[in-house]
mmCIF file of all heavy atoms, coordinates in Angstrom:
data_MODEL
# 
_entry.id   MODEL 
# 
loop_
_atom_site.group_PDB 
_atom_site.id 
_atom_site.type_symbol 
_atom_site.label_atom_id 
_atom_site.label_alt_id 
_atom_site.label_comp_id 
_atom_site.label_asym_id 
_atom_site.label_entity_id 
_atom_site.label_seq_id 
_atom_site.pdbx_PDB_ins_code 
_atom_site.Cartn_x 
_atom_site.Cartn_y 
_atom_site.Cartn_z 
_atom_site.occupancy 
_atom_site.B_iso_or_equiv 
_atom_site.pdbx_formal_charge 
_atom_site.auth_seq_id 
_atom_site.auth_comp_id 
_atom_site.auth_asym_id 
_atom_site.auth_atom_id 
_atom_site.pdbx_PDB_model_num 
ATOM 1   N N   . PRO A 1 1  ? 5.989  -23.374 22.620 1.00 0.00 ? 1  PRO A N   1 
ATOM 2   C CA  . PRO A 1 1  ? 6.187  -24.087 23.847 1.00 0.00 ? 1  PRO A CA  1 
ATOM 3   C C   . PRO A 1 1  ? 5.533  -25.455 23.907 1.00 0.00 ? 1  PRO A C   1 
ATOM 4   O O   . PRO A 1 1  ? 6.039  -26.371 24.517 1.00 0.00 ? 1  PRO A O   1 
ATOM 5   C CB  . PRO A 1 1  ? 5.475  -23.120 24.817 1.00 0.00 ? 1  PRO A CB  1 
ATOM 6   C CG  . PRO A 1 1  ? 4.615  -22.316 24.041 1.00 0.00 ? 1  PRO A CG  1 
ATOM 7   C CD  . PRO A 1 1  ? 5.255  -22.127 22.773 1.00 0.00 ? 1  PRO A CD  1 
ATOM 8   N N   . GLU A 1 2  ? 4.368  -25.609 23.241 1.00 0.00 ? 2  GLU A N   1 
ATOM 9   C CA  . GLU A 1 2  ? 3.715  -26.966 23.208 1.00 0.00 ? 2  GLU A CA  1 
ATOM 10  C C   . GLU A 1 2  ? 4.705  -28.030 22.597 1.00 0.00 ? 2  GLU A C   1 
ATOM 11  O O   . GLU A 1 2  ? 4.739  -29.119 23.096 1.00 0.00 ? 2  GLU A O   1 
ATOM 12  C CB  . GLU A 1 2  ? 2.449  -26.853 22.453 1.00 0.00 ? 2  GLU A CB  1 
ATOM 13  C CG  . GLU A 1 2  ? 1.398  -26.012 23.016 1.00 0.00 ? 2  GLU A CG  1 
ATOM 14  C CD  . GLU A 1 2  ? 1.448  -24.605 22.576 1.00 0.00 ? 2  GLU A CD  1 
ATOM 15  O OE1 . GLU A 1 2  ? 2.396  -24.236 21.913 1.00 0.00 ? 2  GLU A OE1 1 
ATOM 16  O OE2 . GLU A 1 2  ? 0.573  -23.772 22.964 1.00 0.00 ? 2  GLU A OE2 1 
ATOM 17  N N   . ALA A 1 3  ? 5.356  -27.579 21.507 1.00 0.00 ? 3  ALA A N   1 
ATOM 18  C CA  . ALA A 1 3  ? 6.210  -28.567 20.875 1.00 0.00 ? 3  ALA A CA  1 
ATOM 19  C C   . ALA A 1 3  ? 7.414  -28.869 21.768 1.00 0.00 ? 3  ALA A C   1 
ATOM 20  O O   . ALA A 1 3  ? 8.102  -29.960 21.618 1.00 0.00 ? 3  ALA A O   1 
ATOM 21  C CB  . ALA A 1 3  ? 6.742  -27.948 19.564 1.00 0.00 ? 3  ALA A CB  1 
ATOM 22  N N   . ALA A 1 4  ? 7.786  -28.001 22.602 1.00 0.00 ? 4  ALA A N   1 
ATOM 23  C CA  . ALA A 1 4  ? 8.946  -28.111 23.546 1.00 0.00 ? 4  ALA A CA  1 
ATOM 24  C C   . ALA A 1 4  ? 8.695  -29.108 24.617 1.00 0.00 ? 4  ALA A C   1 
ATOM 25  O O   . ALA A 1 4  ? 9.574  -29.811 25.145 1.00 0.00 ? 4  ALA A O   1 
ATOM 26  C CB  . ALA A 1 4  ? 9.370  -26.792 24.118 1.00 0.00 ? 4  ALA A CB  1 
ATOM 27  N N   . LEU A 1 5  ? 7.461  -29.283 25.067 1.00 0.00 ? 5  LEU A N   1 
ATOM 28  C CA  . LEU A 1 5  ? 7.168  -30.035 26.220 1.00 0.00 ? 5  LEU A CA  1 
ATOM 29  C C   . LEU A 1 5  ? 7.625  -31.519 26.223 1.00 0.00 ? 5  LEU A C   1 
ATOM 30  O O   . LEU A 1 5  ? 8.232  -31.925 27.277 1.00 0.00 ? 5  LEU A O   1 
ATOM 31  C CB  . LEU A 1 5  ? 5.599  -29.970 26.532 1.00 0.00 ? 5  LEU A CB  1 
ATOM 32  C CG  . LEU A 1 5  ? 5.084  -28.606 26.828 1.00 0.00 ? 5  LEU A CG  1 
ATOM 33  C CD1 . LEU A 1 5  ? 3.551  -28.632 27.005 1.00 0.00 ? 5  LEU A CD1 1 
ATOM 34  C CD2 . LEU A 1 5  ? 5.775  -28.033 28.072 1.00 0.00 ? 5  LEU A CD2 1 
ATOM 35  N N   . PRO A 1 6  ? 7.457  -32.240 25.124 1.00 0.00 ? 6  PRO A N   1 
ATOM 36  C CA  . PRO A 1 6  ? 7.906  -33.633 25.169 1.00 0.00 ? 6  PRO A CA  1 
ATOM 37  C C   . PRO A 1 6  ? 9.484  -33.759 25.401 1.00 0.00 ? 6  PRO A C   1 
ATOM 38  O O   . PRO A 1 6  ? 9.898  -34.624 26.172 1.00 0.00 ? 6  PRO A O   1 
ATOM 39  C CB  . PRO A 1 6  ? 7.456  -34.227 23.852 1.00 0.00 ? 6  PRO A CB  1 
ATOM 40  C CG  . PRO A 1 6  ? 6.397  -33.347 23.366 1.00 0.00 ? 6  PRO A CG  1 
ATOM 41  C CD  . PRO A 1 6  ? 6.659  -31.924 23.922 1.00 0.00 ? 6  PRO A CD  1 
ATOM 42  N N   . PHE A 1 7  ? 10.182 -32.796 24.819 1.00 0.00 ? 7  PHE A N   1 
ATOM 43  C CA  . PHE A 1 7  ? 11.642 -32.835 24.917 1.00 0.00 ? 7  PHE A CA  1 
ATOM 44  C C   . PHE A 1 7  ? 12.080 -32.509 26.319 1.00 0.00 ? 7  PHE A C   1 
ATOM 45  O O   . PHE A 1 7  ? 12.920 -33.179 26.918 1.00 0.00 ? 7  PHE A O   1 
ATOM 46  C CB  . PHE A 1 7  ? 12.253 -31.944 23.889 1.00 0.00 ? 7  PHE A CB  1 
ATOM 47  C CG  . PHE A 1 7  ? 12.004 -32.225 22.498 1.00 0.00 ? 7  PHE A CG  1 
ATOM 48  C CD1 . PHE A 1 7  ? 11.147 -31.499 21.707 1.00 0.00 ? 7  PHE A CD1 1 
ATOM 49  C CD2 . PHE A 1 7  ? 12.616 -33.339 21.905 1.00 0.00 ? 7  PHE A CD2 1 
ATOM 50  C CE1 . PHE A 1 7  ? 10.861 -31.761 20.450 1.00 0.00 ? 7  PHE A CE1 1 
ATOM 51  C CE2 . PHE A 1 7  ? 12.326 -33.704 20.664 1.00 0.00 ? 7  PHE A CE2 1 
ATOM 52  C CZ  . PHE A 1 7  ? 11.458 -32.915 19.848 1.00 0.00 ? 7  PHE A CZ  1 
ATOM 53  N N   . LEU A 1 8  ? 11.463 -31.424 26.888 1.00 0.00 ? 8  LEU A N   1 
ATOM 54  C CA  . LEU A 1 8  ? 11.817 -31.022 28.248 1.00 0.00 ? 8  LEU A CA  1 
ATOM 55  C C   . LEU A 1 8  ? 11.315 -32.047 29.280 1.00 0.00 ? 8  LEU A C   1 
ATOM 56  O O   . LEU A 1 8  ? 12.066 -32.228 30.289 1.00 0.00 ? 8  LEU A O   1 
ATOM 57  C CB  . LEU A 1 8  ? 11.168 -29.632 28.468 1.00 0.00 ? 8  LEU A CB  1 
ATOM 58  C CG  . LEU A 1 8  ? 11.655 -28.518 27.620 1.00 0.00 ? 8  LEU A CG  1 
ATOM 59  C CD1 . LEU A 1 8  ? 10.857 -27.240 27.846 1.00 0.00 ? 8  LEU A CD1 1 
ATOM 60  C CD2 . LEU A 1 8  ? 13.143 -28.220 27.909 1.00 0.00 ? 8  LEU A CD2 1 
ATOM 61  N N   . LYS A 1 9  ? 10.247 -32.685 29.012 1.00 0.00 ? 9  LYS A N   1 
ATOM 62  C CA  . LYS A 1 9  ? 9.810  -33.730 29.991 1.00 0.00 ? 9  LYS A CA  1 
ATOM 63  C C   . LYS A 1 9  ? 10.776 -34.922 29.948 1.00 0.00 ? 9  LYS A C   1 
ATOM 64  O O   . LYS A 1 9  ? 11.104 -35.479 31.021 1.00 0.00 ? 9  LYS A O   1 
ATOM 65  C CB  . LYS A 1 9  ? 8.406  -34.206 29.639 1.00 0.00 ? 9  LYS A CB  1 
ATOM 66  C CG  . LYS A 1 9  ? 7.870  -35.217 30.534 1.00 0.00 ? 9  LYS A CG  1 
ATOM 67  C CD  . LYS A 1 9  ? 6.431  -35.610 30.189 1.00 0.00 ? 9  LYS A CD  1 
ATOM 68  C CE  . LYS A 1 9  ? 5.908  -36.735 31.091 1.00 0.00 ? 9  LYS A CE  1 
ATOM 69  N NZ  . LYS A 1 9  ? 4.552  -37.230 30.660 1.00 0.00 ? 9  LYS A NZ  1 
ATOM 70  N N   . THR A 1 10 ? 11.230 -35.262 28.785 1.00 0.00 ? 10 THR A N   1 
ATOM 71  C CA  . THR A 1 10 ? 12.121 -36.384 28.685 1.00 0.00 ? 10 THR A CA  1 
ATOM 72  C C   . THR A 1 10 ? 13.487 -36.089 29.377 1.00 0.00 ? 10 THR A C   1 
ATOM 73  O O   . THR A 1 10 ? 14.029 -36.852 30.089 1.00 0.00 ? 10 THR A O   1 
ATOM 74  C CB  . THR A 1 10 ? 12.457 -36.713 27.170 1.00 0.00 ? 10 THR A CB  1 
ATOM 75  O OG1 . THR A 1 10 ? 11.207 -37.141 26.540 1.00 0.00 ? 10 THR A OG1 1 
ATOM 76  C CG2 . THR A 1 10 ? 13.444 -37.792 26.976 1.00 0.00 ? 10 THR A CG2 1 
ATOM 77  N N   . ALA A 1 11 ? 13.979 -34.791 29.209 1.00 0.00 ? 11 ALA A N   1 
ATOM 78  C CA  . ALA A 1 11 ? 15.212 -34.370 29.852 1.00 0.00 ? 11 ALA A CA  1 
ATOM 79  C C   . ALA A 1 11 ? 15.096 -34.490 31.336 1.00 0.00 ? 11 ALA A C   1 
ATOM 80  O O   . ALA A 1 11 ? 15.951 -34.932 31.997 1.00 0.00 ? 11 ALA A O   1 
ATOM 81  C CB  . ALA A 1 11 ? 15.495 -32.969 29.336 1.00 0.00 ? 11 ALA A CB  1 
ATOM 82  N N   . LEU A 1 12 ? 13.918 -34.023 31.811 1.00 0.00 ? 12 LEU A N   1 
ATOM 83  C CA  . LEU A 1 12 ? 13.736 -33.994 33.328 1.00 0.00 ? 12 LEU A CA  1 
ATOM 84  C C   . LEU A 1 12 ? 13.649 -35.409 33.822 1.00 0.00 ? 12 LEU A C   1 
ATOM 85  O O   . LEU A 1 12 ? 14.295 -35.663 34.906 1.00 0.00 ? 12 LEU A O   1 
ATOM 86  C CB  . LEU A 1 12 ? 12.479 -33.160 33.665 1.00 0.00 ? 12 LEU A CB  1 
ATOM 87  C CG  . LEU A 1 12 ? 12.157 -33.064 35.162 1.00 0.00 ? 12 LEU A CG  1 
ATOM 88  C CD1 . LEU A 1 12 ? 13.316 -32.465 35.886 1.00 0.00 ? 12 LEU A CD1 1 
ATOM 89  C CD2 . LEU A 1 12 ? 10.894 -32.242 35.431 1.00 0.00 ? 12 LEU A CD2 1 
ATOM 90  N N   . GLU A 1 13 ? 12.918 -36.239 33.132 1.00 0.00 ? 13 GLU A N   1 
ATOM 91  C CA  . GLU A 1 13 ? 12.843 -37.618 33.599 1.00 0.00 ? 13 GLU A CA  1 
ATOM 92  C C   . GLU A 1 13 ? 14.182 -38.317 33.550 1.00 0.00 ? 13 GLU A C   1 
ATOM 93  O O   . GLU A 1 13 ? 14.444 -39.223 34.424 1.00 0.00 ? 13 GLU A O   1 
ATOM 94  C CB  . GLU A 1 13 ? 11.831 -38.349 32.681 1.00 0.00 ? 13 GLU A CB  1 
ATOM 95  C CG  . GLU A 1 13 ? 10.387 -37.958 32.885 1.00 0.00 ? 13 GLU A CG  1 
ATOM 96  C CD  . GLU A 1 13 ? 9.473  -38.587 31.925 1.00 0.00 ? 13 GLU A CD  1 
ATOM 97  O OE1 . GLU A 1 13 ? 9.883  -39.107 30.921 1.00 0.00 ? 13 GLU A OE1 1 
ATOM 98  O OE2 . GLU A 1 13 ? 8.244  -38.449 32.169 1.00 0.00 ? 13 GLU A OE2 1 
ATOM 99  N N   . ALA A 1 14 ? 15.077 -37.938 32.684 1.00 0.00 ? 14 ALA A N   1 
ATOM 100 C CA  . ALA A 1 14 ? 16.359 -38.602 32.562 1.00 0.00 ? 14 ALA A CA  1 
ATOM 101 C C   . ALA A 1 14 ? 17.293 -38.115 33.585 1.00 0.00 ? 14 ALA A C   1 
ATOM 102 O O   . ALA A 1 14 ? 18.208 -38.817 34.034 1.00 0.00 ? 14 ALA A O   1 
ATOM 103 C CB  . ALA A 1 14 ? 16.929 -38.261 31.138 1.00 0.00 ? 14 ALA A CB  1 
ATOM 104 N N   . ASN A 1 15 ? 17.091 -36.805 34.125 1.00 0.00 ? 15 ASN A N   1 
ATOM 105 C CA  . ASN A 1 15 ? 17.995 -36.309 35.073 1.00 0.00 ? 15 ASN A CA  1 
ATOM 106 C C   . ASN A 1 15 ? 17.340 -35.240 35.946 1.00 0.00 ? 15 ASN A C   1 
ATOM 107 O O   . ASN A 1 15 ? 17.294 -34.059 35.631 1.00 0.00 ? 15 ASN A O   1 
ATOM 108 C CB  . ASN A 1 15 ? 19.230 -35.698 34.442 1.00 0.00 ? 15 ASN A CB  1 
ATOM 109 C CG  . ASN A 1 15 ? 20.253 -35.222 35.418 1.00 0.00 ? 15 ASN A CG  1 
ATOM 110 O OD1 . ASN A 1 15 ? 20.110 -35.374 36.706 1.00 0.00 ? 15 ASN A OD1 1 
ATOM 111 N ND2 . ASN A 1 15 ? 21.332 -34.532 34.982 1.00 0.00 ? 15 ASN A ND2 1 
ATOM 112 N N   . GLN A 1 16 ? 16.750 -35.792 37.045 1.00 0.00 ? 16 GLN A N   1 
ATOM 113 C CA  . GLN A 1 16 ? 15.987 -34.835 37.912 1.00 0.00 ? 16 GLN A CA  1 
ATOM 114 C C   . GLN A 1 16 ? 16.908 -34.021 38.835 1.00 0.00 ? 16 GLN A C   1 
ATOM 115 O O   . GLN A 1 16 ? 16.452 -33.124 39.562 1.00 0.00 ? 16 GLN A O   1 
ATOM 116 C CB  . GLN A 1 16 ? 15.108 -35.583 38.758 1.00 0.00 ? 16 GLN A CB  1 
ATOM 117 C CG  . GLN A 1 16 ? 13.868 -36.252 38.001 1.00 0.00 ? 16 GLN A CG  1 
ATOM 118 C CD  . GLN A 1 16 ? 12.747 -36.721 38.830 1.00 0.00 ? 16 GLN A CD  1 
ATOM 119 O OE1 . GLN A 1 16 ? 12.802 -36.569 40.056 1.00 0.00 ? 16 GLN A OE1 1 
ATOM 120 N NE2 . GLN A 1 16 ? 11.713 -37.277 38.206 1.00 0.00 ? 16 GLN A NE2 1 
ATOM 121 N N   . GLN A 1 17 ? 18.202 -34.277 38.774 1.00 0.00 ? 17 GLN A N   1 
ATOM 122 C CA  . GLN A 1 17 ? 19.212 -33.586 39.582 1.00 0.00 ? 17 GLN A CA  1 
ATOM 123 C C   . GLN A 1 17 ? 19.551 -32.206 38.885 1.00 0.00 ? 17 GLN A C   1 
ATOM 124 O O   . GLN A 1 17 ? 20.185 -31.411 39.546 1.00 0.00 ? 17 GLN A O   1 
ATOM 125 C CB  . GLN A 1 17 ? 20.344 -34.388 39.804 1.00 0.00 ? 17 GLN A CB  1 
ATOM 126 C CG  . GLN A 1 17 ? 20.091 -35.739 40.566 1.00 0.00 ? 17 GLN A CG  1 
ATOM 127 C CD  . GLN A 1 17 ? 19.421 -35.572 41.853 1.00 0.00 ? 17 GLN A CD  1 
ATOM 128 O OE1 . GLN A 1 17 ? 19.816 -34.666 42.672 1.00 0.00 ? 17 GLN A OE1 1 
ATOM 129 N NE2 . GLN A 1 17 ? 18.302 -36.333 42.100 1.00 0.00 ? 17 GLN A NE2 1 
ATOM 130 N N   . GLN A 1 18 ? 19.292 -32.140 37.633 1.00 0.00 ? 18 GLN A N   1 
ATOM 131 C CA  . GLN A 1 18 ? 19.672 -30.954 36.894 1.00 0.00 ? 18 GLN A CA  1 
ATOM 132 C C   . GLN A 1 18 ? 18.553 -29.869 37.086 1.00 0.00 ? 18 GLN A C   1 
ATOM 133 O O   . GLN A 1 18 ? 17.470 -29.923 36.632 1.00 0.00 ? 18 GLN A O   1 
ATOM 134 C CB  . GLN A 1 18 ? 19.795 -31.243 35.413 1.00 0.00 ? 18 GLN A CB  1 
ATOM 135 C CG  . GLN A 1 18 ? 20.030 -30.074 34.475 1.00 0.00 ? 18 GLN A CG  1 
ATOM 136 C CD  . GLN A 1 18 ? 21.237 -29.205 34.874 1.00 0.00 ? 18 GLN A CD  1 
ATOM 137 O OE1 . GLN A 1 18 ? 21.183 -28.202 35.556 1.00 0.00 ? 18 GLN A OE1 1 
ATOM 138 N NE2 . GLN A 1 18 ? 22.401 -29.656 34.341 1.00 0.00 ? 18 GLN A NE2 1 
ATOM 139 N N   . ARG A 1 19 ? 18.931 -28.809 37.891 1.00 0.00 ? 19 ARG A N   1 
ATOM 140 C CA  . ARG A 1 19 ? 17.958 -27.830 38.294 1.00 0.00 ? 19 ARG A CA  1 
ATOM 141 C C   . ARG A 1 19 ? 17.435 -27.081 37.086 1.00 0.00 ? 19 ARG A C   1 
ATOM 142 O O   . ARG A 1 19 ? 16.167 -26.721 37.032 1.00 0.00 ? 19 ARG A O   1 
ATOM 143 C CB  . ARG A 1 19 ? 18.725 -26.789 39.207 1.00 0.00 ? 19 ARG A CB  1 
ATOM 144 C CG  . ARG A 1 19 ? 17.936 -25.750 39.710 1.00 0.00 ? 19 ARG A CG  1 
ATOM 145 C CD  . ARG A 1 19 ? 18.650 -24.845 40.691 1.00 0.00 ? 19 ARG A CD  1 
ATOM 146 N NE  . ARG A 1 19 ? 18.027 -23.603 41.109 1.00 0.00 ? 19 ARG A NE  1 
ATOM 147 C CZ  . ARG A 1 19 ? 18.246 -22.438 40.422 1.00 0.00 ? 19 ARG A CZ  1 
ATOM 148 N NH1 . ARG A 1 19 ? 19.093 -22.458 39.394 1.00 0.00 ? 19 ARG A NH1 1 
ATOM 149 N NH2 . ARG A 1 19 ? 17.658 -21.442 40.846 1.00 0.00 ? 19 ARG A NH2 1 
ATOM 150 N N   . GLN A 1 20 ? 18.263 -26.859 36.130 1.00 0.00 ? 20 GLN A N   1 
ATOM 151 C CA  . GLN A 1 20 ? 17.742 -26.097 34.947 1.00 0.00 ? 20 GLN A CA  1 
ATOM 152 C C   . GLN A 1 20 ? 16.639 -26.782 34.168 1.00 0.00 ? 20 GLN A C   1 
ATOM 153 O O   . GLN A 1 20 ? 15.804 -26.189 33.608 1.00 0.00 ? 20 GLN A O   1 
ATOM 154 C CB  . GLN A 1 20 ? 18.944 -25.834 34.025 1.00 0.00 ? 20 GLN A CB  1 
ATOM 155 C CG  . GLN A 1 20 ? 18.647 -24.857 32.822 1.00 0.00 ? 20 GLN A CG  1 
ATOM 156 C CD  . GLN A 1 20 ? 18.079 -23.560 33.276 1.00 0.00 ? 20 GLN A CD  1 
ATOM 157 O OE1 . GLN A 1 20 ? 18.675 -22.869 34.107 1.00 0.00 ? 20 GLN A OE1 1 
ATOM 158 N NE2 . GLN A 1 20 ? 16.962 -23.151 32.673 1.00 0.00 ? 20 GLN A NE2 1 
ATOM 159 N N   . PHE A 1 21 ? 16.714 -28.157 34.232 1.00 0.00 ? 21 PHE A N   1 
ATOM 160 C CA  . PHE A 1 21 ? 15.663 -28.922 33.587 1.00 0.00 ? 21 PHE A CA  1 
ATOM 161 C C   . PHE A 1 21 ? 14.273 -28.656 34.155 1.00 0.00 ? 21 PHE A C   1 
ATOM 162 O O   . PHE A 1 21 ? 13.295 -28.513 33.453 1.00 0.00 ? 21 PHE A O   1 
ATOM 163 C CB  . PHE A 1 21 ? 15.963 -30.372 33.627 1.00 0.00 ? 21 PHE A CB  1 
ATOM 164 C CG  . PHE A 1 21 ? 17.159 -30.881 32.842 1.00 0.00 ? 21 PHE A CG  1 
ATOM 165 C CD1 . PHE A 1 21 ? 17.512 -32.184 32.871 1.00 0.00 ? 21 PHE A CD1 1 
ATOM 166 C CD2 . PHE A 1 21 ? 17.879 -30.015 32.008 1.00 0.00 ? 21 PHE A CD2 1 
ATOM 167 C CE1 . PHE A 1 21 ? 18.660 -32.594 32.065 1.00 0.00 ? 21 PHE A CE1 1 
ATOM 168 C CE2 . PHE A 1 21 ? 18.971 -30.370 31.235 1.00 0.00 ? 21 PHE A CE2 1 
ATOM 169 C CZ  . PHE A 1 21 ? 19.414 -31.704 31.321 1.00 0.00 ? 21 PHE A CZ  1 
ATOM 170 N N   . TRP A 1 22 ? 14.299 -28.534 35.527 1.00 0.00 ? 22 TRP A N   1 
ATOM 171 C CA  . TRP A 1 22 ? 12.986 -28.205 36.098 1.00 0.00 ? 22 TRP A CA  1 
ATOM 172 C C   . TRP A 1 22 ? 12.477 -26.805 35.715 1.00 0.00 ? 22 TRP A C   1 
ATOM 173 O O   . TRP A 1 22 ? 11.290 -26.604 35.367 1.00 0.00 ? 22 TRP A O   1 
ATOM 174 C CB  . TRP A 1 22 ? 13.142 -28.170 37.670 1.00 0.00 ? 22 TRP A CB  1 
ATOM 175 C CG  . TRP A 1 22 ? 13.311 -29.526 38.302 1.00 0.00 ? 22 TRP A CG  1 
ATOM 176 C CD1 . TRP A 1 22 ? 14.502 -30.237 38.505 1.00 0.00 ? 22 TRP A CD1 1 
ATOM 177 C CD2 . TRP A 1 22 ? 12.314 -30.421 38.742 1.00 0.00 ? 22 TRP A CD2 1 
ATOM 178 N NE1 . TRP A 1 22 ? 14.216 -31.408 39.069 1.00 0.00 ? 22 TRP A NE1 1 
ATOM 179 C CE2 . TRP A 1 22 ? 12.911 -31.578 39.235 1.00 0.00 ? 22 TRP A CE2 1 
ATOM 180 C CE3 . TRP A 1 22 ? 10.837 -30.359 38.749 1.00 0.00 ? 22 TRP A CE3 1 
ATOM 181 C CZ2 . TRP A 1 22 ? 12.130 -32.650 39.716 1.00 0.00 ? 22 TRP A CZ2 1 
ATOM 182 C CZ3 . TRP A 1 22 ? 10.166 -31.387 39.211 1.00 0.00 ? 22 TRP A CZ3 1 
ATOM 183 C CH2 . TRP A 1 22 ? 10.774 -32.557 39.681 1.00 0.00 ? 22 TRP A CH2 1 
ATOM 184 N N   . ILE A 1 23 ? 13.410 -25.879 35.733 1.00 0.00 ? 23 ILE A N   1 
ATOM 185 C CA  . ILE A 1 23 ? 13.103 -24.457 35.420 1.00 0.00 ? 23 ILE A CA  1 
ATOM 186 C C   . ILE A 1 23 ? 12.554 -24.303 33.950 1.00 0.00 ? 23 ILE A C   1 
ATOM 187 O O   . ILE A 1 23 ? 11.547 -23.718 33.690 1.00 0.00 ? 23 ILE A O   1 
ATOM 188 C CB  . ILE A 1 23 ? 14.245 -23.583 35.684 1.00 0.00 ? 23 ILE A CB  1 
ATOM 189 C CG1 . ILE A 1 23 ? 14.617 -23.541 37.099 1.00 0.00 ? 23 ILE A CG1 1 
ATOM 190 C CG2 . ILE A 1 23 ? 14.023 -22.168 35.160 1.00 0.00 ? 23 ILE A CG2 1 
ATOM 191 C CD1 . ILE A 1 23 ? 15.893 -22.835 37.544 1.00 0.00 ? 23 ILE A CD1 1 
ATOM 192 N N   . SER A 1 24 ? 13.299 -25.001 33.099 1.00 0.00 ? 24 SER A N   1 
ATOM 193 C CA  . SER A 1 24 ? 12.962 -24.910 31.631 1.00 0.00 ? 24 SER A CA  1 
ATOM 194 C C   . SER A 1 24 ? 11.504 -25.545 31.403 1.00 0.00 ? 24 SER A C   1 
ATOM 195 O O   . SER A 1 24 ? 10.745 -25.029 30.683 1.00 0.00 ? 24 SER A O   1 
ATOM 196 C CB  . SER A 1 24 ? 14.013 -25.577 30.779 1.00 0.00 ? 24 SER A CB  1 
ATOM 197 O OG  . SER A 1 24 ? 15.194 -24.839 30.820 1.00 0.00 ? 24 SER A OG  1 
ATOM 198 N N   . TYR A 1 25 ? 11.239 -26.722 31.943 1.00 0.00 ? 25 TYR A N   1 
ATOM 199 C CA  . TYR A 1 25 ? 10.058 -27.455 31.795 1.00 0.00 ? 25 TYR A CA  1 
ATOM 200 C C   . TYR A 1 25 ? 8.958  -26.618 32.439 1.00 0.00 ? 25 TYR A C   1 
ATOM 201 O O   . TYR A 1 25 ? 7.911  -26.422 31.809 1.00 0.00 ? 25 TYR A O   1 
ATOM 202 C CB  . TYR A 1 25 ? 10.087 -28.733 32.425 1.00 0.00 ? 25 TYR A CB  1 
ATOM 203 C CG  . TYR A 1 25 ? 8.905  -29.706 32.131 1.00 0.00 ? 25 TYR A CG  1 
ATOM 204 C CD1 . TYR A 1 25 ? 8.280  -29.620 30.932 1.00 0.00 ? 25 TYR A CD1 1 
ATOM 205 C CD2 . TYR A 1 25 ? 8.479  -30.601 33.093 1.00 0.00 ? 25 TYR A CD2 1 
ATOM 206 C CE1 . TYR A 1 25 ? 7.178  -30.493 30.689 1.00 0.00 ? 25 TYR A CE1 1 
ATOM 207 C CE2 . TYR A 1 25 ? 7.405  -31.442 32.824 1.00 0.00 ? 25 TYR A CE2 1 
ATOM 208 C CZ  . TYR A 1 25 ? 6.764  -31.359 31.645 1.00 0.00 ? 25 TYR A CZ  1 
ATOM 209 O OH  . TYR A 1 25 ? 5.676  -32.214 31.424 1.00 0.00 ? 25 TYR A OH  1 
ATOM 210 N N   . LEU A 1 26 ? 9.148  -26.066 33.631 1.00 0.00 ? 26 LEU A N   1 
ATOM 211 C CA  . LEU A 1 26 ? 8.106  -25.254 34.286 1.00 0.00 ? 26 LEU A CA  1 
ATOM 212 C C   . LEU A 1 26 ? 7.756  -24.044 33.429 1.00 0.00 ? 26 LEU A C   1 
ATOM 213 O O   . LEU A 1 26 ? 6.592  -23.671 33.201 1.00 0.00 ? 26 LEU A O   1 
ATOM 214 C CB  . LEU A 1 26 ? 8.615  -24.788 35.709 1.00 0.00 ? 26 LEU A CB  1 
ATOM 215 C CG  . LEU A 1 26 ? 7.724  -23.835 36.406 1.00 0.00 ? 26 LEU A CG  1 
ATOM 216 C CD1 . LEU A 1 26 ? 6.368  -24.519 36.670 1.00 0.00 ? 26 LEU A CD1 1 
ATOM 217 C CD2 . LEU A 1 26 ? 8.365  -23.517 37.774 1.00 0.00 ? 26 LEU A CD2 1 
ATOM 218 N N   . ASN A 1 27 ? 8.855  -23.362 32.882 1.00 0.00 ? 27 ASN A N   1 
ATOM 219 C CA  . ASN A 1 27 ? 8.634  -22.208 32.022 1.00 0.00 ? 27 ASN A CA  1 
ATOM 220 C C   . ASN A 1 27 ? 7.783  -22.513 30.820 1.00 0.00 ? 27 ASN A C   1 
ATOM 221 O O   . ASN A 1 27 ? 6.845  -21.770 30.384 1.00 0.00 ? 27 ASN A O   1 
ATOM 222 C CB  . ASN A 1 27 ? 9.950  -21.533 31.629 1.00 0.00 ? 27 ASN A CB  1 
ATOM 223 C CG  . ASN A 1 27 ? 9.789  -20.392 30.727 1.00 0.00 ? 27 ASN A CG  1 
ATOM 224 O OD1 . ASN A 1 27 ? 9.208  -19.329 31.041 1.00 0.00 ? 27 ASN A OD1 1 
ATOM 225 N ND2 . ASN A 1 27 ? 10.251 -20.560 29.505 1.00 0.00 ? 27 ASN A ND2 1 
ATOM 226 N N   . ALA A 1 28 ? 8.137  -23.654 30.184 1.00 0.00 ? 28 ALA A N   1 
ATOM 227 C CA  . ALA A 1 28 ? 7.426  -24.102 28.926 1.00 0.00 ? 28 ALA A CA  1 
ATOM 228 C C   . ALA A 1 28 ? 5.951  -24.381 29.223 1.00 0.00 ? 28 ALA A C   1 
ATOM 229 O O   . ALA A 1 28 ? 5.028  -24.010 28.473 1.00 0.00 ? 28 ALA A O   1 
ATOM 230 C CB  . ALA A 1 28 ? 8.072  -25.305 28.311 1.00 0.00 ? 28 ALA A CB  1 
ATOM 231 N N   . LEU A 1 29 ? 5.681  -25.070 30.365 1.00 0.00 ? 29 LEU A N   1 
ATOM 232 C CA  . LEU A 1 29 ? 4.237  -25.305 30.765 1.00 0.00 ? 29 LEU A CA  1 
ATOM 233 C C   . LEU A 1 29 ? 3.503  -23.987 30.944 1.00 0.00 ? 29 LEU A C   1 
ATOM 234 O O   . LEU A 1 29 ? 2.375  -23.896 30.564 1.00 0.00 ? 29 LEU A O   1 
ATOM 235 C CB  . LEU A 1 29 ? 4.304  -26.132 31.992 1.00 0.00 ? 29 LEU A CB  1 
ATOM 236 C CG  . LEU A 1 29 ? 4.702  -27.579 31.867 1.00 0.00 ? 29 LEU A CG  1 
ATOM 237 C CD1 . LEU A 1 29 ? 4.920  -28.292 33.217 1.00 0.00 ? 29 LEU A CD1 1 
ATOM 238 C CD2 . LEU A 1 29 ? 3.683  -28.405 31.102 1.00 0.00 ? 29 LEU A CD2 1 
ATOM 239 N N   . ILE A 1 30 ? 4.128  -23.007 31.597 1.00 0.00 ? 30 ILE A N   1 
ATOM 240 C CA  . ILE A 1 30 ? 3.467  -21.771 31.849 1.00 0.00 ? 30 ILE A CA  1 
ATOM 241 C C   . ILE A 1 30 ? 3.187  -21.093 30.475 1.00 0.00 ? 30 ILE A C   1 
ATOM 242 O O   . ILE A 1 30 ? 2.092  -20.564 30.227 1.00 0.00 ? 30 ILE A O   1 
ATOM 243 C CB  . ILE A 1 30 ? 4.313  -20.859 32.713 1.00 0.00 ? 30 ILE A CB  1 
ATOM 244 C CG1 . ILE A 1 30 ? 4.403  -21.481 34.148 1.00 0.00 ? 30 ILE A CG1 1 
ATOM 245 C CG2 . ILE A 1 30 ? 3.688  -19.452 32.786 1.00 0.00 ? 30 ILE A CG2 1 
ATOM 246 C CD1 . ILE A 1 30 ? 5.348  -20.767 35.037 1.00 0.00 ? 30 ILE A CD1 1 
# 
């Protein structure tokens, strides 16, 4: 999950309208 965080953060910053991006980033942080 630590390795995933930069990619998921970039995805969310690029498109905050995509609900799944929030969920995936939140899950990885947890």
